Amino acid sequence: MFSGGGLASEAQKKKKLFCVSKWIFVLFFALSPSFIITLYNKHKTLMVAKGEELEAEWISGDELELFEGKSNWVDASKHGCLSKLLSAAEFGNADFCSEALRDIEDEFVNAKGDDGDTSLHLACLYGHVDVVKVLLSDERVDVNARDDDDGTSLADASASGFHEIVALLLAKKGIEVNLKDSDGETALDCAIRGEHEKCVELLKAAGGKEGEL
């Protein structure tokens, strides 16, 4: 036998739930759009402030100095040509790279961006063959330039397994194959660690050696 009281209790619960939902619905649409936007903006501001507070707690000492240095990076070149050159190298736009090289002052050709890389480093790191060709065709570009970790463009290309770029760099007059980074690694070390056999072969043929780690 079913209990009538149980069914009535269940019906009352559903009725109360419906009433509460209805009032929430009414209150939501009664609020003006501007009020809703204000609430959202306040919430957003609070979250951003909280995020900055957490970041400040996480970064300290030398890490804070490094963070501040990168965030305060300024393009001192004329008309922002350095930024254009770095962007072209990173995103693989050879035509844009040529234009930037044409306009940029000599002193900024091998300058580093906020991440500590030169344009050649970026092109090699991301595997943009056409951009690398454009850069290497400019006599001002230093094929042995170092990044903030003393790494070379050759090491970047080798670590990523871009053997066509490695070949282009090795063919460049003045290339130094065995330069070591801050960890004592050479381009050959990077190629071996990444198991890039073609790069290893090219580097060894050019006199590449492993660093003394």
N, C-alpha and C. Protein backbone atom coordinates (compact mmCIF):
# COMPACT_ATOMS: atom_id res chain seq x y z
N MET A 1 0.85 -1.19 0.00
CA MET A 1 0.00 0.00 0.00
C MET A 1 0.89 1.25 0.00
N PHE A 2 0.52 2.25 -0.85
CA PHE A 2 1.30 3.49 -0.94
C PHE A 2 0.88 4.45 0.16
N SER A 3 1.82 5.28 0.61
CA SER A 3 1.54 6.27 1.64
C SER A 3 1.20 7.60 0.98
N GLY A 4 -0.05 8.07 1.23
CA GLY A 4 -0.51 9.34 0.67
C GLY A 4 0.30 10.49 1.18
N GLY A 5 0.74 10.41 2.48
CA GLY A 5 1.52 11.49 3.08
C GLY A 5 2.85 11.67 2.38
N GLY A 6 3.45 10.53 1.93
CA GLY A 6 4.75 10.60 1.24
C GLY A 6 4.62 11.32 -0.07
N LEU A 7 3.54 11.05 -0.82
CA LEU A 7 3.33 11.70 -2.12
C LEU A 7 3.09 13.19 -1.94
N ALA A 8 2.32 13.54 -0.88
CA ALA A 8 2.00 14.95 -0.62
C ALA A 8 3.27 15.72 -0.27
N SER A 9 4.16 15.07 0.52
CA SER A 9 5.40 15.72 0.92
C SER A 9 6.29 15.98 -0.28
N GLU A 10 6.31 15.01 -1.19
CA GLU A 10 7.12 15.15 -2.40
C GLU A 10 6.60 16.28 -3.27
N ALA A 11 5.29 16.37 -3.35
CA ALA A 11 4.66 17.42 -4.16
C ALA A 11 4.95 18.79 -3.59
N GLN A 12 4.98 18.90 -2.26
CA GLN A 12 5.26 20.18 -1.61
C GLN A 12 6.71 20.62 -1.87
N LYS A 13 7.61 19.64 -1.86
CA LYS A 13 9.02 19.95 -2.13
C LYS A 13 9.19 20.50 -3.53
N LYS A 14 8.53 19.87 -4.50
CA LYS A 14 8.63 20.32 -5.88
C LYS A 14 8.05 21.72 -6.04
N LYS A 15 6.94 21.97 -5.31
CA LYS A 15 6.29 23.28 -5.39
C LYS A 15 7.22 24.36 -4.83
N LYS A 16 7.87 24.09 -3.70
CA LYS A 16 8.79 25.06 -3.10
C LYS A 16 9.97 25.33 -4.02
N LEU A 17 10.48 24.25 -4.62
CA LEU A 17 11.61 24.39 -5.52
C LEU A 17 11.24 25.25 -6.72
N PHE A 18 10.02 25.05 -7.23
CA PHE A 18 9.55 25.83 -8.38
C PHE A 18 9.43 27.31 -8.02
N CYS A 19 8.93 27.59 -6.82
CA CYS A 19 8.76 28.98 -6.38
C CYS A 19 10.12 29.68 -6.25
N VAL A 20 11.07 28.98 -5.65
CA VAL A 20 12.41 29.55 -5.49
C VAL A 20 13.04 29.83 -6.84
N SER A 21 12.91 28.88 -7.77
CA SER A 21 13.47 29.04 -9.11
C SER A 21 12.83 30.21 -9.83
N LYS A 22 11.50 30.36 -9.63
CA LYS A 22 10.78 31.45 -10.30
C LYS A 22 11.28 32.80 -9.82
N TRP A 23 11.50 32.94 -8.51
CA TRP A 23 11.96 34.21 -7.98
C TRP A 23 13.38 34.52 -8.42
N ILE A 24 14.22 33.51 -8.50
CA ILE A 24 15.59 33.71 -9.01
C ILE A 24 15.55 34.21 -10.44
N PHE A 25 14.64 33.61 -11.23
CA PHE A 25 14.48 33.99 -12.63
C PHE A 25 14.02 35.44 -12.73
N VAL A 26 13.06 35.80 -11.90
CA VAL A 26 12.51 37.16 -11.92
C VAL A 26 13.57 38.18 -11.50
N LEU A 27 14.31 37.86 -10.42
CA LEU A 27 15.33 38.78 -9.93
C LEU A 27 16.44 38.98 -10.96
N PHE A 28 16.79 37.90 -11.65
CA PHE A 28 17.85 37.98 -12.65
C PHE A 28 17.50 38.95 -13.76
N PHE A 29 16.29 38.83 -14.28
CA PHE A 29 15.89 39.69 -15.38
C PHE A 29 15.43 41.07 -14.91
N ALA A 30 15.24 41.22 -13.59
CA ALA A 30 14.87 42.53 -13.07
C ALA A 30 16.09 43.44 -12.96
N LEU A 31 17.28 42.81 -12.84
CA LEU A 31 18.50 43.59 -12.75
C LEU A 31 18.79 44.25 -14.09
N SER A 32 19.20 45.48 -14.06
CA SER A 32 19.51 46.19 -15.30
C SER A 32 20.81 45.67 -15.87
N PRO A 33 20.99 45.71 -17.18
CA PRO A 33 22.23 45.25 -17.81
C PRO A 33 23.46 45.95 -17.23
N SER A 34 23.33 47.25 -16.94
CA SER A 34 24.47 47.99 -16.41
C SER A 34 24.89 47.46 -15.04
N PHE A 35 23.89 47.06 -14.25
CA PHE A 35 24.19 46.52 -12.92
C PHE A 35 24.91 45.19 -13.03
N ILE A 36 24.47 44.36 -13.96
CA ILE A 36 25.10 43.06 -14.17
C ILE A 36 26.54 43.24 -14.62
N ILE A 37 26.76 44.21 -15.54
CA ILE A 37 28.11 44.48 -16.04
C ILE A 37 29.00 44.97 -14.91
N THR A 38 28.44 45.82 -14.04
CA THR A 38 29.21 46.33 -12.90
C THR A 38 29.65 45.20 -11.99
N LEU A 39 28.72 44.27 -11.71
CA LEU A 39 29.07 43.12 -10.87
C LEU A 39 30.18 42.30 -11.50
N TYR A 40 30.07 42.10 -12.82
CA TYR A 40 31.08 41.31 -13.54
C TYR A 40 32.45 41.97 -13.46
N ASN A 41 32.47 43.29 -13.71
CA ASN A 41 33.74 44.01 -13.71
C ASN A 41 34.40 44.00 -12.33
N LYS A 42 33.59 44.13 -11.28
CA LYS A 42 34.13 44.08 -9.92
C LYS A 42 34.74 42.71 -9.64
N HIS A 43 34.04 41.67 -10.09
CA HIS A 43 34.53 40.31 -9.90
C HIS A 43 35.84 40.10 -10.67
N LYS A 44 35.86 40.61 -11.89
CA LYS A 44 37.05 40.47 -12.73
C LYS A 44 38.24 41.19 -12.11
N THR A 45 38.01 42.41 -11.62
CA THR A 45 39.07 43.19 -10.99
C THR A 45 39.62 42.47 -9.77
N LEU A 46 38.72 41.88 -8.99
CA LEU A 46 39.11 41.16 -7.79
C LEU A 46 39.98 39.96 -8.14
N MET A 47 39.58 39.24 -9.19
CA MET A 47 40.33 38.05 -9.59
C MET A 47 41.71 38.42 -10.12
N VAL A 48 41.80 39.51 -10.88
CA VAL A 48 43.08 39.95 -11.41
C VAL A 48 44.01 40.34 -10.26
N ALA A 49 43.47 41.09 -9.30
CA ALA A 49 44.25 41.52 -8.15
C ALA A 49 44.74 40.31 -7.36
N LYS A 50 43.87 39.32 -7.22
CA LYS A 50 44.23 38.11 -6.49
C LYS A 50 45.34 37.36 -7.22
N GLY A 51 45.23 37.32 -8.57
CA GLY A 51 46.24 36.64 -9.37
C GLY A 51 47.59 37.31 -9.25
N GLU A 52 47.60 38.66 -9.27
CA GLU A 52 48.85 39.40 -9.13
C GLU A 52 49.46 39.18 -7.75
N GLU A 53 48.60 39.06 -6.74
CA GLU A 53 49.08 38.83 -5.38
C GLU A 53 49.75 37.47 -5.29
N LEU A 54 49.14 36.45 -5.89
CA LEU A 54 49.72 35.11 -5.87
C LEU A 54 51.03 35.08 -6.64
N GLU A 55 51.07 35.79 -7.78
CA GLU A 55 52.27 35.83 -8.59
C GLU A 55 53.41 36.49 -7.82
N ALA A 56 53.09 37.55 -7.10
CA ALA A 56 54.10 38.26 -6.33
C ALA A 56 54.67 37.36 -5.23
N GLU A 57 53.81 36.51 -4.66
CA GLU A 57 54.25 35.60 -3.60
C GLU A 57 55.15 34.52 -4.18
N TRP A 58 54.87 34.10 -5.44
CA TRP A 58 55.61 33.01 -6.06
C TRP A 58 56.98 33.46 -6.55
N ILE A 59 57.06 34.69 -7.10
CA ILE A 59 58.30 35.20 -7.64
C ILE A 59 59.05 35.99 -6.56
N SER A 60 60.29 35.64 -6.33
CA SER A 60 61.07 36.35 -5.32
C SER A 60 62.54 36.32 -5.69
N GLY A 61 63.33 37.17 -5.07
CA GLY A 61 64.77 37.16 -5.26
C GLY A 61 65.19 37.35 -6.70
N ASP A 62 66.11 36.46 -7.15
CA ASP A 62 66.64 36.54 -8.51
C ASP A 62 65.54 36.37 -9.54
N GLU A 63 64.54 35.52 -9.23
CA GLU A 63 63.46 35.28 -10.17
C GLU A 63 62.66 36.56 -10.40
N LEU A 64 62.47 37.34 -9.34
CA LEU A 64 61.73 38.59 -9.46
C LEU A 64 62.51 39.58 -10.32
N GLU A 65 63.82 39.64 -10.13
CA GLU A 65 64.65 40.55 -10.91
C GLU A 65 64.60 40.17 -12.39
N LEU A 66 64.64 38.87 -12.67
CA LEU A 66 64.57 38.40 -14.05
C LEU A 66 63.22 38.72 -14.66
N PHE A 67 62.16 38.49 -13.89
CA PHE A 67 60.80 38.77 -14.37
C PHE A 67 60.63 40.25 -14.69
N GLU A 68 61.10 41.09 -13.79
CA GLU A 68 60.97 42.53 -14.00
C GLU A 68 61.79 42.98 -15.20
N GLY A 69 62.96 42.38 -15.40
CA GLY A 69 63.80 42.75 -16.53
C GLY A 69 63.13 42.45 -17.85
N LYS A 70 62.48 41.29 -17.93
CA LYS A 70 61.83 40.90 -19.17
C LYS A 70 60.56 41.73 -19.41
N SER A 71 59.81 42.00 -18.37
CA SER A 71 58.57 42.74 -18.55
C SER A 71 58.83 44.21 -18.89
N ASN A 72 60.05 44.69 -18.57
CA ASN A 72 60.39 46.08 -18.84
C ASN A 72 61.19 46.25 -20.12
N TRP A 73 61.24 45.19 -20.94
CA TRP A 73 61.99 45.25 -22.19
C TRP A 73 61.44 46.35 -23.09
N VAL A 74 62.34 47.13 -23.68
CA VAL A 74 61.93 48.23 -24.55
C VAL A 74 62.64 48.12 -25.89
N ASP A 75 61.91 48.30 -26.96
CA ASP A 75 62.48 48.32 -28.30
C ASP A 75 63.03 49.73 -28.55
N ALA A 76 64.35 49.85 -28.53
CA ALA A 76 64.98 51.16 -28.70
C ALA A 76 65.31 51.47 -30.16
N SER A 77 65.00 50.54 -31.05
CA SER A 77 65.30 50.77 -32.47
C SER A 77 64.35 51.79 -33.07
N LYS A 78 64.76 52.36 -34.19
CA LYS A 78 63.96 53.36 -34.86
C LYS A 78 62.70 52.75 -35.46
N HIS A 79 61.56 53.35 -35.17
CA HIS A 79 60.27 52.90 -35.69
C HIS A 79 59.93 51.45 -35.31
N GLY A 80 60.51 50.96 -34.24
CA GLY A 80 60.18 49.60 -33.79
C GLY A 80 60.64 48.51 -34.73
N CYS A 81 61.73 48.77 -35.47
CA CYS A 81 62.20 47.78 -36.45
C CYS A 81 62.65 46.47 -35.80
N LEU A 82 63.21 46.56 -34.60
CA LEU A 82 63.65 45.33 -33.93
C LEU A 82 62.47 44.43 -33.62
N SER A 83 61.39 45.01 -33.14
CA SER A 83 60.19 44.22 -32.85
C SER A 83 59.65 43.56 -34.12
N LYS A 84 59.70 44.30 -35.21
CA LYS A 84 59.24 43.76 -36.50
C LYS A 84 60.11 42.59 -36.93
N LEU A 85 61.42 42.75 -36.76
CA LEU A 85 62.36 41.70 -37.16
C LEU A 85 62.15 40.44 -36.31
N LEU A 86 62.03 40.62 -35.01
CA LEU A 86 61.84 39.49 -34.11
C LEU A 86 60.52 38.77 -34.37
N SER A 87 59.48 39.55 -34.65
CA SER A 87 58.17 38.96 -34.93
C SER A 87 58.20 38.17 -36.24
N ALA A 88 58.85 38.73 -37.24
CA ALA A 88 58.95 38.04 -38.53
C ALA A 88 59.71 36.73 -38.38
N ALA A 89 60.77 36.75 -37.56
CA ALA A 89 61.56 35.54 -37.34
C ALA A 89 60.77 34.48 -36.59
N GLU A 90 60.03 34.91 -35.59
CA GLU A 90 59.27 33.96 -34.77
C GLU A 90 58.11 33.33 -35.53
N PHE A 91 57.43 34.14 -36.35
CA PHE A 91 56.23 33.64 -37.03
C PHE A 91 56.47 33.22 -38.48
N GLY A 92 57.71 33.32 -38.94
CA GLY A 92 58.06 32.77 -40.24
C GLY A 92 57.68 33.58 -41.45
N ASN A 93 57.73 34.91 -41.34
CA ASN A 93 57.39 35.76 -42.48
C ASN A 93 58.68 36.29 -43.11
N ALA A 94 59.12 35.63 -44.19
CA ALA A 94 60.38 35.99 -44.82
C ALA A 94 60.36 37.38 -45.46
N ASP A 95 59.25 37.75 -46.07
CA ASP A 95 59.14 39.07 -46.72
C ASP A 95 59.20 40.18 -45.67
N PHE A 96 58.50 39.97 -44.60
CA PHE A 96 58.48 40.95 -43.50
C PHE A 96 59.88 41.06 -42.89
N CYS A 97 60.58 39.93 -42.83
CA CYS A 97 61.93 39.89 -42.29
C CYS A 97 62.86 40.72 -43.17
N SER A 98 62.72 40.58 -44.48
CA SER A 98 63.55 41.34 -45.42
C SER A 98 63.32 42.84 -45.26
N GLU A 99 62.08 43.22 -45.10
CA GLU A 99 61.74 44.64 -44.92
C GLU A 99 62.35 45.19 -43.64
N ALA A 100 62.25 44.40 -42.57
CA ALA A 100 62.78 44.84 -41.28
C ALA A 100 64.30 44.99 -41.34
N LEU A 101 64.97 44.06 -42.01
CA LEU A 101 66.42 44.13 -42.14
C LEU A 101 66.85 45.35 -42.96
N ARG A 102 66.04 45.70 -43.92
CA ARG A 102 66.34 46.85 -44.76
C ARG A 102 66.29 48.15 -43.97
N ASP A 103 65.38 48.21 -43.01
CA ASP A 103 65.16 49.46 -42.27
C ASP A 103 65.89 49.55 -40.94
N ILE A 104 66.28 48.41 -40.38
CA ILE A 104 66.84 48.42 -39.03
C ILE A 104 68.27 48.94 -38.98
N GLU A 105 68.62 49.62 -37.91
CA GLU A 105 69.98 50.12 -37.72
C GLU A 105 70.92 48.96 -37.41
N ASP A 106 72.18 49.11 -37.81
CA ASP A 106 73.17 48.03 -37.65
C ASP A 106 73.26 47.54 -36.20
N GLU A 107 73.19 48.45 -35.26
CA GLU A 107 73.39 48.09 -33.86
C GLU A 107 72.30 47.18 -33.30
N PHE A 108 71.16 47.10 -33.99
CA PHE A 108 70.05 46.29 -33.48
C PHE A 108 69.83 44.98 -34.25
N VAL A 109 70.64 44.74 -35.27
CA VAL A 109 70.45 43.54 -36.09
C VAL A 109 70.55 42.26 -35.25
N ASN A 110 71.49 42.23 -34.32
CA ASN A 110 71.69 41.04 -33.48
C ASN A 110 71.20 41.24 -32.05
N ALA A 111 70.34 42.23 -31.87
CA ALA A 111 69.81 42.50 -30.53
C ALA A 111 68.81 41.42 -30.12
N LYS A 112 68.66 41.25 -28.81
CA LYS A 112 67.75 40.23 -28.27
C LYS A 112 66.39 40.83 -27.94
N GLY A 113 65.39 39.98 -28.00
CA GLY A 113 64.06 40.39 -27.61
C GLY A 113 63.85 40.16 -26.12
N ASP A 114 62.62 40.29 -25.66
CA ASP A 114 62.34 40.15 -24.23
C ASP A 114 62.52 38.73 -23.72
N ASP A 115 62.63 37.75 -24.63
CA ASP A 115 62.85 36.37 -24.20
C ASP A 115 64.32 35.97 -24.26
N GLY A 116 65.19 36.95 -24.63
CA GLY A 116 66.61 36.67 -24.64
C GLY A 116 67.15 36.06 -25.91
N ASP A 117 66.33 36.03 -26.98
CA ASP A 117 66.75 35.45 -28.25
C ASP A 117 66.91 36.52 -29.33
N THR A 118 67.87 36.29 -30.24
CA THR A 118 68.00 37.15 -31.41
C THR A 118 67.02 36.65 -32.47
N SER A 119 66.92 37.37 -33.55
CA SER A 119 66.01 36.94 -34.63
C SER A 119 66.45 35.60 -35.22
N LEU A 120 67.76 35.39 -35.33
CA LEU A 120 68.25 34.12 -35.87
C LEU A 120 67.93 32.97 -34.94
N HIS A 121 68.05 33.19 -33.64
CA HIS A 121 67.67 32.15 -32.67
C HIS A 121 66.21 31.75 -32.87
N LEU A 122 65.35 32.74 -32.98
CA LEU A 122 63.92 32.46 -33.10
C LEU A 122 63.59 31.70 -34.37
N ALA A 123 64.18 32.12 -35.48
CA ALA A 123 63.91 31.46 -36.76
C ALA A 123 64.38 30.00 -36.71
N CYS A 124 65.53 29.77 -36.08
CA CYS A 124 66.06 28.40 -35.97
C CYS A 124 65.25 27.57 -34.98
N LEU A 125 64.83 28.19 -33.92
CA LEU A 125 64.06 27.50 -32.89
C LEU A 125 62.72 27.00 -33.42
N TYR A 126 62.09 27.81 -34.27
CA TYR A 126 60.77 27.46 -34.80
C TYR A 126 60.82 26.83 -36.19
N GLY A 127 62.01 26.65 -36.71
CA GLY A 127 62.15 25.91 -37.97
C GLY A 127 61.73 26.64 -39.22
N HIS A 128 61.89 27.96 -39.25
CA HIS A 128 61.49 28.75 -40.42
C HIS A 128 62.68 28.87 -41.39
N VAL A 129 62.77 27.91 -42.30
CA VAL A 129 63.90 27.83 -43.22
C VAL A 129 64.06 29.09 -44.07
N ASP A 130 62.98 29.58 -44.65
CA ASP A 130 63.05 30.75 -45.53
C ASP A 130 63.55 31.99 -44.78
N VAL A 131 63.12 32.13 -43.54
CA VAL A 131 63.56 33.27 -42.73
C VAL A 131 65.05 33.14 -42.41
N VAL A 132 65.49 31.93 -42.10
CA VAL A 132 66.91 31.69 -41.82
C VAL A 132 67.74 32.08 -43.04
N LYS A 133 67.28 31.73 -44.22
CA LYS A 133 68.00 32.07 -45.45
C LYS A 133 68.12 33.58 -45.61
N VAL A 134 67.03 34.28 -45.33
CA VAL A 134 67.05 35.74 -45.43
C VAL A 134 68.04 36.34 -44.44
N LEU A 135 68.01 35.86 -43.23
CA LEU A 135 68.90 36.38 -42.18
C LEU A 135 70.37 36.11 -42.51
N LEU A 136 70.65 34.91 -42.96
CA LEU A 136 72.04 34.55 -43.26
C LEU A 136 72.58 35.28 -44.48
N SER A 137 71.68 35.78 -45.31
CA SER A 137 72.12 36.53 -46.50
C SER A 137 72.56 37.95 -46.12
N ASP A 138 72.25 38.38 -44.91
CA ASP A 138 72.65 39.70 -44.43
C ASP A 138 73.97 39.55 -43.66
N GLU A 139 75.01 40.18 -44.16
CA GLU A 139 76.34 40.05 -43.57
C GLU A 139 76.41 40.57 -42.13
N ARG A 140 75.44 41.37 -41.73
CA ARG A 140 75.45 41.92 -40.38
C ARG A 140 75.01 40.92 -39.33
N VAL A 141 74.28 39.89 -39.76
CA VAL A 141 73.75 38.89 -38.82
C VAL A 141 74.88 37.99 -38.32
N ASP A 142 75.02 37.92 -37.01
CA ASP A 142 76.06 37.12 -36.37
C ASP A 142 75.58 35.69 -36.19
N VAL A 143 76.15 34.78 -36.95
CA VAL A 143 75.72 33.38 -36.89
C VAL A 143 76.10 32.73 -35.57
N ASN A 144 77.04 33.33 -34.83
CA ASN A 144 77.48 32.78 -33.55
C ASN A 144 76.93 33.54 -32.35
N ALA A 145 75.94 34.38 -32.57
CA ALA A 145 75.36 35.17 -31.47
C ALA A 145 74.83 34.24 -30.38
N ARG A 146 74.91 34.68 -29.14
CA ARG A 146 74.45 33.87 -28.00
C ARG A 146 73.13 34.43 -27.46
N ASP A 147 72.31 33.53 -26.93
CA ASP A 147 71.09 33.96 -26.25
C ASP A 147 71.41 34.18 -24.78
N ASP A 148 70.41 34.39 -23.96
CA ASP A 148 70.65 34.66 -22.53
C ASP A 148 71.24 33.47 -21.78
N ASP A 149 71.16 32.27 -22.38
CA ASP A 149 71.73 31.08 -21.76
C ASP A 149 73.03 30.67 -22.45
N ASP A 150 73.58 31.60 -23.24
CA ASP A 150 74.80 31.36 -24.00
C ASP A 150 74.62 30.31 -25.10
N GLY A 151 73.39 30.01 -25.42
CA GLY A 151 73.12 29.05 -26.49
C GLY A 151 73.22 29.71 -27.86
N THR A 152 73.52 28.92 -28.87
CA THR A 152 73.63 29.42 -30.24
C THR A 152 72.42 29.01 -31.07
N SER A 153 72.28 29.65 -32.21
CA SER A 153 71.20 29.29 -33.13
C SER A 153 71.40 27.87 -33.65
N LEU A 154 72.66 27.48 -33.82
CA LEU A 154 72.98 26.13 -34.27
C LEU A 154 72.49 25.10 -33.25
N ALA A 155 72.67 25.41 -31.99
CA ALA A 155 72.20 24.51 -30.93
C ALA A 155 70.68 24.42 -30.92
N ASP A 156 70.00 25.55 -31.15
CA ASP A 156 68.54 25.56 -31.18
C ASP A 156 68.01 24.68 -32.32
N ALA A 157 68.58 24.85 -33.49
CA ALA A 157 68.14 24.06 -34.65
C ALA A 157 68.44 22.58 -34.44
N SER A 158 69.59 22.30 -33.83
CA SER A 158 70.00 20.91 -33.58
C SER A 158 69.10 20.24 -32.56
N ALA A 159 68.75 20.99 -31.52
CA ALA A 159 67.88 20.45 -30.47
C ALA A 159 66.50 20.12 -31.00
N SER A 160 66.06 20.90 -32.00
CA SER A 160 64.72 20.69 -32.56
C SER A 160 64.71 19.72 -33.74
N GLY A 161 65.89 19.35 -34.22
CA GLY A 161 65.96 18.39 -35.32
C GLY A 161 65.75 18.99 -36.69
N PHE A 162 65.96 20.29 -36.84
CA PHE A 162 65.78 20.94 -38.14
C PHE A 162 67.08 20.84 -38.94
N HIS A 163 67.27 19.68 -39.56
CA HIS A 163 68.55 19.39 -40.22
C HIS A 163 68.82 20.30 -41.41
N GLU A 164 67.78 20.77 -42.10
CA GLU A 164 67.99 21.67 -43.23
C GLU A 164 68.58 23.00 -42.74
N ILE A 165 68.10 23.47 -41.62
CA ILE A 165 68.62 24.70 -41.04
C ILE A 165 70.03 24.48 -40.52
N VAL A 166 70.27 23.33 -39.91
CA VAL A 166 71.61 23.01 -39.42
C VAL A 166 72.60 23.06 -40.58
N ALA A 167 72.19 22.51 -41.72
CA ALA A 167 73.06 22.52 -42.91
C ALA A 167 73.34 23.94 -43.39
N LEU A 168 72.32 24.78 -43.37
CA LEU A 168 72.48 26.17 -43.78
C LEU A 168 73.46 26.90 -42.86
N LEU A 169 73.33 26.69 -41.58
CA LEU A 169 74.19 27.35 -40.61
C LEU A 169 75.64 26.87 -40.75
N LEU A 170 75.82 25.57 -40.94
CA LEU A 170 77.17 25.01 -41.07
C LEU A 170 77.86 25.51 -42.33
N ALA A 171 77.09 25.88 -43.33
CA ALA A 171 77.66 26.37 -44.59
C ALA A 171 78.04 27.84 -44.51
N LYS A 172 77.60 28.51 -43.44
CA LYS A 172 77.88 29.93 -43.27
C LYS A 172 79.33 30.15 -42.84
N LYS A 173 80.01 31.02 -43.55
CA LYS A 173 81.40 31.33 -43.23
C LYS A 173 81.52 31.90 -41.81
N GLY A 174 82.44 31.36 -41.04
CA GLY A 174 82.68 31.86 -39.69
C GLY A 174 81.92 31.12 -38.60
N ILE A 175 81.11 30.13 -38.97
CA ILE A 175 80.36 29.39 -37.97
C ILE A 175 81.30 28.64 -37.02
N GLU A 176 81.02 28.72 -35.74
CA GLU A 176 81.77 27.99 -34.72
C GLU A 176 80.89 26.85 -34.22
N VAL A 177 81.29 25.65 -34.55
CA VAL A 177 80.45 24.47 -34.31
C VAL A 177 80.37 24.05 -32.86
N ASN A 178 81.43 24.27 -32.10
CA ASN A 178 81.52 23.70 -30.76
C ASN A 178 81.38 24.70 -29.61
N LEU A 179 80.69 25.78 -29.85
CA LEU A 179 80.45 26.72 -28.76
C LEU A 179 79.55 26.06 -27.71
N LYS A 180 79.84 26.33 -26.44
CA LYS A 180 79.07 25.72 -25.35
C LYS A 180 78.13 26.73 -24.72
N ASP A 181 76.99 26.23 -24.25
CA ASP A 181 76.04 27.09 -23.54
C ASP A 181 76.39 27.12 -22.06
N SER A 182 75.55 27.73 -21.27
CA SER A 182 75.83 27.88 -19.83
C SER A 182 75.85 26.54 -19.09
N ASP A 183 75.31 25.50 -19.72
CA ASP A 183 75.33 24.17 -19.11
C ASP A 183 76.49 23.32 -19.63
N GLY A 184 77.31 23.92 -20.51
CA GLY A 184 78.44 23.19 -21.05
C GLY A 184 78.11 22.32 -22.23
N GLU A 185 76.93 22.50 -22.80
CA GLU A 185 76.51 21.68 -23.94
C GLU A 185 76.82 22.34 -25.27
N THR A 186 77.18 21.53 -26.24
CA THR A 186 77.41 21.99 -27.61
C THR A 186 76.18 21.66 -28.45
N ALA A 187 76.20 22.08 -29.70
CA ALA A 187 75.09 21.76 -30.61
C ALA A 187 74.97 20.25 -30.78
N LEU A 188 76.11 19.56 -30.81
CA LEU A 188 76.08 18.11 -30.96
C LEU A 188 75.41 17.45 -29.76
N ASP A 189 75.67 17.95 -28.58
CA ASP A 189 75.00 17.43 -27.38
C ASP A 189 73.48 17.55 -27.52
N CYS A 190 73.05 18.69 -28.03
CA CYS A 190 71.61 18.93 -28.18
C CYS A 190 71.00 17.97 -29.19
N ALA A 191 71.71 17.74 -30.28
CA ALA A 191 71.21 16.83 -31.32
C ALA A 191 71.15 15.39 -30.81
N ILE A 192 72.16 15.00 -30.08
CA ILE A 192 72.20 13.64 -29.52
C ILE A 192 71.08 13.43 -28.51
N ARG A 193 70.90 14.42 -27.64
CA ARG A 193 69.85 14.31 -26.63
C ARG A 193 68.47 14.19 -27.27
N GLY A 194 68.27 14.88 -28.38
CA GLY A 194 66.98 14.83 -29.08
C GLY A 194 66.85 13.66 -30.04
N GLU A 195 67.93 12.86 -30.15
CA GLU A 195 67.96 11.70 -31.05
C GLU A 195 67.68 12.10 -32.50
N HIS A 196 68.28 13.21 -32.90
CA HIS A 196 68.13 13.69 -34.28
C HIS A 196 69.35 13.24 -35.07
N GLU A 197 69.25 12.06 -35.65
CA GLU A 197 70.40 11.42 -36.29
C GLU A 197 70.99 12.23 -37.45
N LYS A 198 70.12 12.83 -38.26
CA LYS A 198 70.61 13.60 -39.40
C LYS A 198 71.42 14.80 -38.93
N CYS A 199 70.95 15.45 -37.90
CA CYS A 199 71.68 16.59 -37.34
C CYS A 199 73.01 16.14 -36.75
N VAL A 200 73.01 15.01 -36.07
CA VAL A 200 74.23 14.46 -35.49
C VAL A 200 75.25 14.19 -36.59
N GLU A 201 74.77 13.62 -37.67
CA GLU A 201 75.64 13.30 -38.81
C GLU A 201 76.26 14.56 -39.40
N LEU A 202 75.44 15.59 -39.61
CA LEU A 202 75.93 16.84 -40.19
C LEU A 202 76.95 17.52 -39.27
N LEU A 203 76.65 17.53 -37.98
CA LEU A 203 77.53 18.19 -37.03
C LEU A 203 78.87 17.48 -36.90
N LYS A 204 78.84 16.17 -36.86
CA LYS A 204 80.09 15.41 -36.76
C LYS A 204 80.94 15.61 -38.01
N ALA A 205 80.30 15.67 -39.16
CA ALA A 205 81.02 15.88 -40.42
C ALA A 205 81.69 17.25 -40.45
N ALA A 206 81.11 18.20 -39.68
CA ALA A 206 81.67 19.56 -39.64
C ALA A 206 82.64 19.74 -38.47
N GLY A 207 82.95 18.64 -37.79
CA GLY A 207 83.89 18.70 -36.68
C GLY A 207 83.24 18.89 -35.33
N GLY A 208 81.94 18.65 -35.27
CA GLY A 208 81.22 18.82 -34.03
C GLY A 208 81.66 17.84 -32.95
N LYS A 209 81.77 18.33 -31.73
CA LYS A 209 82.17 17.51 -30.59
C LYS A 209 81.18 17.68 -29.44
N GLU A 210 81.18 16.69 -28.56
CA GLU A 210 80.34 16.77 -27.38
C GLU A 210 81.06 17.62 -26.33
N GLY A 211 80.27 18.34 -25.53
CA GLY A 211 80.86 19.16 -24.48
C GLY A 211 81.28 18.30 -23.31
N GLU A 212 82.16 18.81 -22.50
CA GLU A 212 82.61 18.08 -21.31
C GLU A 212 81.72 18.45 -20.16
N LEU A 213 80.63 17.70 -19.98
CA LEU A 213 79.64 18.01 -18.95
C LEU A 213 80.07 17.47 -17.59
